C-alpha atoms as a PDB file:
ATOM      1  CA  VAL A   1    -110.240  54.510  73.374  1.00  0.00           C
ATOM      2  CA  GLN A   2    -106.492  54.580  73.353  1.00  0.00           C
ATOM      3  CA  LEU A   3    -104.183  53.846  70.657  1.00  0.00           C
ATOM      4  CA  GLN A   4    -100.795  52.049  71.303  1.00  0.00           C
ATOM      5  CA  ALA A   5     -98.259  52.118  68.513  1.00  0.00           C
ATOM      6  CA  SER A   6     -95.160  49.349  68.723  1.00  0.00           C
ATOM      7  CA  GLY A   7     -92.808  47.671  66.554  1.00  0.00           C
ATOM      8  CA  GLY A   8     -90.761  50.359  65.802  1.00  0.00           C
ATOM      9  CA  GLY A   9     -86.779  50.032  65.921  1.00  0.00           C
ATOM     10  CA  LEU A  10     -83.478  50.246  63.868  1.00  0.00           C
ATOM     11  CA  VAL A  11     -83.048  48.337  60.769  1.00  0.00           C
ATOM     12  CA  GLN A  12     -80.616  48.441  57.909  1.00  0.00           C
ATOM     13  CA  ALA A  13     -81.498  49.488  54.609  1.00  0.00           C
ATOM     14  CA  GLY A  14     -83.243  46.973  52.762  1.00  0.00           C
ATOM     15  CA  GLY A  15     -84.697  45.465  55.666  1.00  0.00           C
ATOM     16  CA  SER A  16     -88.388  45.276  57.298  1.00  0.00           C
ATOM     17  CA  LEU A  17     -90.192  46.190  60.343  1.00  0.00           C
ATOM     18  CA  ARG A  18     -93.795  45.596  61.121  1.00  0.00           C
ATOM     19  CA  LEU A  19     -95.515  48.046  63.389  1.00  0.00           C
ATOM     20  CA  SER A  20     -98.409  47.621  65.549  1.00  0.00           C
ATOM     21  CA  CYS A  21    -101.483  50.016  66.236  1.00  0.00           C
ATOM     22  CA  ALA A  22    -103.807  48.235  69.168  1.00  0.00           C
ATOM     23  CA  ALA A  23    -107.008  49.754  70.486  1.00  0.00           C
ATOM     24  CA  SER A  24    -107.732  49.707  74.229  1.00  0.00           C
ATOM     25  CA  GLU A  25    -110.944  48.988  75.526  1.00  0.00           C
ATOM     26  CA  ARG A  26    -113.101  48.331  72.589  1.00  0.00           C
ATOM     27  CA  THR A  27    -112.839  47.952  68.783  1.00  0.00           C
ATOM     28  CA  PHE A  28    -111.721  50.400  66.196  1.00  0.00           C
ATOM     29  CA  GLY A  29    -114.935  52.326  65.082  1.00  0.00           C
ATOM     30  CA  SER A  30    -116.265  52.219  61.468  1.00  0.00           C
ATOM     31  CA  GLY A  31    -114.003  55.266  60.666  1.00  0.00           C
ATOM     32  CA  PRO A  32    -110.631  54.946  58.932  1.00  0.00           C
ATOM     33  CA  VAL A  33    -107.354  53.952  60.712  1.00  0.00           C
ATOM     34  CA  ALA A  34    -104.166  55.575  59.271  1.00  0.00           C
ATOM     35  CA  TRP A  35    -100.332  55.698  59.920  1.00  0.00           C
ATOM     36  CA  PHE A  36     -98.468  58.849  59.823  1.00  0.00           C
ATOM     37  CA  ARG A  37     -94.942  59.713  60.210  1.00  0.00           C
ATOM     38  CA  GLN A  38     -92.764  62.807  60.893  1.00  0.00           C
ATOM     39  CA  ALA A  39     -88.794  63.005  60.251  1.00  0.00           C
ATOM     40  CA  PRO A  40     -86.824  65.512  62.151  1.00  0.00           C
ATOM     41  CA  GLU A  41     -87.524  68.943  61.212  1.00  0.00           C
ATOM     42  CA  LYS A  42     -90.179  68.168  58.705  1.00  0.00           C
ATOM     43  CA  GLU A  43     -94.036  68.127  58.701  1.00  0.00           C
ATOM     44  CA  ARG A  44     -96.414  65.252  59.538  1.00  0.00           C
ATOM     45  CA  GLU A  45     -97.078  63.439  56.622  1.00  0.00           C
ATOM     46  CA  PHE A  46     -99.436  60.609  55.633  1.00  0.00           C
ATOM     47  CA  VAL A  47     -98.396  57.174  55.059  1.00  0.00           C
ATOM     48  CA  ALA A  48    -101.200  54.525  54.672  1.00  0.00           C
ATOM     49  CA  ARG A  49    -104.596  54.460  55.595  1.00  0.00           C
ATOM     50  CA  ILE A  50    -107.326  51.487  55.741  1.00  0.00           C
ATOM     51  CA  ASP A  51    -111.101  52.187  55.797  1.00  0.00           C
ATOM     52  CA  MET A  52    -112.428  49.809  58.650  1.00  0.00           C
ATOM     53  CA  TRP A  53    -115.935  49.611  57.347  1.00  0.00           C
ATOM     54  CA  THR A  54    -114.925  48.704  53.146  1.00  0.00           C
ATOM     55  CA  GLY A  55    -111.550  47.438  54.008  1.00  0.00           C
ATOM     56  CA  GLY A  56    -110.080  49.988  51.401  1.00  0.00           C
ATOM     57  CA  THR A  57    -106.488  50.754  51.515  1.00  0.00           C
ATOM     58  CA  GLY A  58    -104.366  53.850  50.481  1.00  0.00           C
ATOM     59  CA  TYR A  59    -100.877  54.762  50.298  1.00  0.00           C
ATOM     60  CA  ALA A  60     -98.313  57.785  49.913  1.00  0.00           C
ATOM     61  CA  ASP A  61     -96.672  57.288  46.844  1.00  0.00           C
ATOM     62  CA  SER A  62     -93.033  57.063  48.543  1.00  0.00           C
ATOM     63  CA  VAL A  63     -94.092  54.054  49.997  1.00  0.00           C
ATOM     64  CA  LYS A  64     -96.372  52.026  47.522  1.00  0.00           C
ATOM     65  CA  ARG A  65     -95.538  48.602  46.712  1.00  0.00           C
ATOM     66  CA  ARG A  66     -93.158  48.373  49.968  1.00  0.00           C
ATOM     67  CA  PHE A  67     -95.422  49.191  52.631  1.00  0.00           C
ATOM     68  CA  THR A  68     -98.943  47.131  53.287  1.00  0.00           C
ATOM     69  CA  ILE A  69    -101.564  48.141  56.017  1.00  0.00           C
ATOM     70  CA  SER A  70    -103.757  45.283  57.211  1.00  0.00           C
ATOM     71  CA  ARG A  71    -106.088  44.671  60.272  1.00  0.00           C
ATOM     72  CA  ASP A  72    -106.910  41.724  62.622  1.00  0.00           C
ATOM     73  CA  ASN A  73    -110.600  42.571  63.951  1.00  0.00           C
ATOM     74  CA  ALA A  74    -110.061  39.831  66.756  1.00  0.00           C
ATOM     75  CA  LYS A  75    -107.003  41.318  67.964  1.00  0.00           C
ATOM     76  CA  ASN A  76    -108.211  45.130  67.847  1.00  0.00           C
ATOM     77  CA  THR A  77    -105.079  45.796  65.841  1.00  0.00           C
ATOM     78  CA  VAL A  78    -103.870  47.462  62.502  1.00  0.00           C
ATOM     79  CA  TYR A  79    -100.383  46.648  61.141  1.00  0.00           C
ATOM     80  CA  LEU A  80     -97.899  48.410  58.914  1.00  0.00           C
ATOM     81  CA  GLN A  81     -95.644  46.001  57.232  1.00  0.00           C
ATOM     82  CA  MET A  82     -92.616  47.899  55.758  1.00  0.00           C
ATOM     83  CA  ASN A  83     -90.256  46.564  53.489  1.00  0.00           C
ATOM     84  CA  SER A  84     -87.168  47.485  51.412  1.00  0.00           C
ATOM     85  CA  LEU A  85     -86.999  50.155  54.148  1.00  0.00           C
ATOM     86  CA  LYS A  86     -84.982  53.042  53.254  1.00  0.00           C
ATOM     87  CA  PRO A  87     -83.001  55.643  55.093  1.00  0.00           C
ATOM     88  CA  GLU A  88     -85.761  58.423  54.414  1.00  0.00           C
ATOM     89  CA  ASP A  89     -88.342  56.259  55.961  1.00  0.00           C
ATOM     90  CA  THR A  90     -86.473  57.330  59.321  1.00  0.00           C
ATOM     91  CA  ALA A  91     -89.094  58.950  61.281  1.00  0.00           C
ATOM     92  CA  VAL A  92     -91.590  58.568  64.440  1.00  0.00           C
ATOM     93  CA  TYR A  93     -94.679  56.783  63.086  1.00  0.00           C
ATOM     94  CA  TYR A  94     -98.036  57.469  64.649  1.00  0.00           C
ATOM     95  CA  CYS A  95    -101.244  55.762  64.140  1.00  0.00           C
ATOM     96  CA  ALA A  96    -104.378  57.504  64.256  1.00  0.00           C
ATOM     97  CA  ALA A  97    -107.977  56.372  63.905  1.00  0.00           C
ATOM     98  CA  ARG A  98    -111.318  58.233  63.238  1.00  0.00           C
ATOM     99  CA  ARG A  99    -114.701  57.399  65.027  1.00  0.00           C
ATOM    100  CA  GLY A 100    -116.909  57.796  62.641  1.00  0.00           C
ATOM    101  CA  ARG A 101    -116.890  57.373  58.415  1.00  0.00           C
ATOM    102  CA  ILE A 102    -115.461  59.923  56.155  1.00  0.00           C
ATOM    103  CA  ILE A 103    -115.124  59.681  52.750  1.00  0.00           C
ATOM    104  CA  THR A 104    -112.040  58.398  51.147  1.00  0.00           C
ATOM    105  CA  SER A 105    -110.517  61.684  49.708  1.00  0.00           C
ATOM    106  CA  TYR A 106    -110.284  62.913  52.989  1.00  0.00           C
ATOM    107  CA  GLN A 107    -108.947  59.895  54.677  1.00  0.00           C
ATOM    108  CA  HIS A 108    -105.093  61.025  53.914  1.00  0.00           C
ATOM    109  CA  ARG A 109    -105.403  64.083  55.457  1.00  0.00           C
ATOM    110  CA  ALA A 110    -104.418  64.115  59.614  1.00  0.00           C
ATOM    111  CA  GLU A 111    -107.142  66.646  60.438  1.00  0.00           C
ATOM    112  CA  ALA A 112    -109.713  63.836  59.837  1.00  0.00           C
ATOM    113  CA  TYR A 113    -108.467  61.733  62.504  1.00  0.00           C
ATOM    114  CA  ASP A 114    -109.467  62.438  66.418  1.00  0.00           C
ATOM    115  CA  LEU A 115    -107.822  59.716  67.877  1.00  0.00           C
ATOM    116  CA  TRP A 116    -103.855  59.704  67.924  1.00  0.00           C
ATOM    117  CA  GLY A 117    -101.145  57.138  69.117  1.00  0.00           C
ATOM    118  CA  LEU A 118     -97.965  58.481  70.807  1.00  0.00           C
ATOM    119  CA  GLY A 119     -95.748  57.143  67.864  1.00  0.00           C
ATOM    120  CA  THR A 120     -92.741  54.763  67.775  1.00  0.00           C
ATOM    121  CA  GLN A 121     -89.384  55.795  66.340  1.00  0.00           C
ATOM    122  CA  VAL A 122     -88.221  53.813  63.031  1.00  0.00           C
ATOM    123  CA  THR A 123     -84.457  54.340  62.456  1.00  0.00           C
ATOM    124  CA  VAL A 124     -83.098  53.148  58.820  1.00  0.00           C
ATOM    125  CA  SER A 125     -79.698  53.104  58.571  1.00  0.00           C
ATOM    126  CA  SER A 126     -77.500  53.186  55.368  1.00  0.00           C
END
């Protein structure tokens, strides 16, 4: 299974983008799918996750009430709707998936994921 992230681009502050993470070959497993991001000279950080078994979601505090993660099982795709974008949201966004289930409290950790997409650049201008 490969992950393909898309939907990034350049947007003004206050604007919106929707990122897509598509799984090739077959559907996502029963584990979580998450979005992480990495800004220049900063560490990769958790953004949002969705549990493909329960449908439960979680968000970093910095994106709560602005970003929404969702899934379309028929299209084997997970989305990240990003509204009210800020310049500090500028980063390369990566989607990641885990084949098997893992407890919720670990789902924000990058090391919990064994499949990663190549990333898509999001740039928010002020």
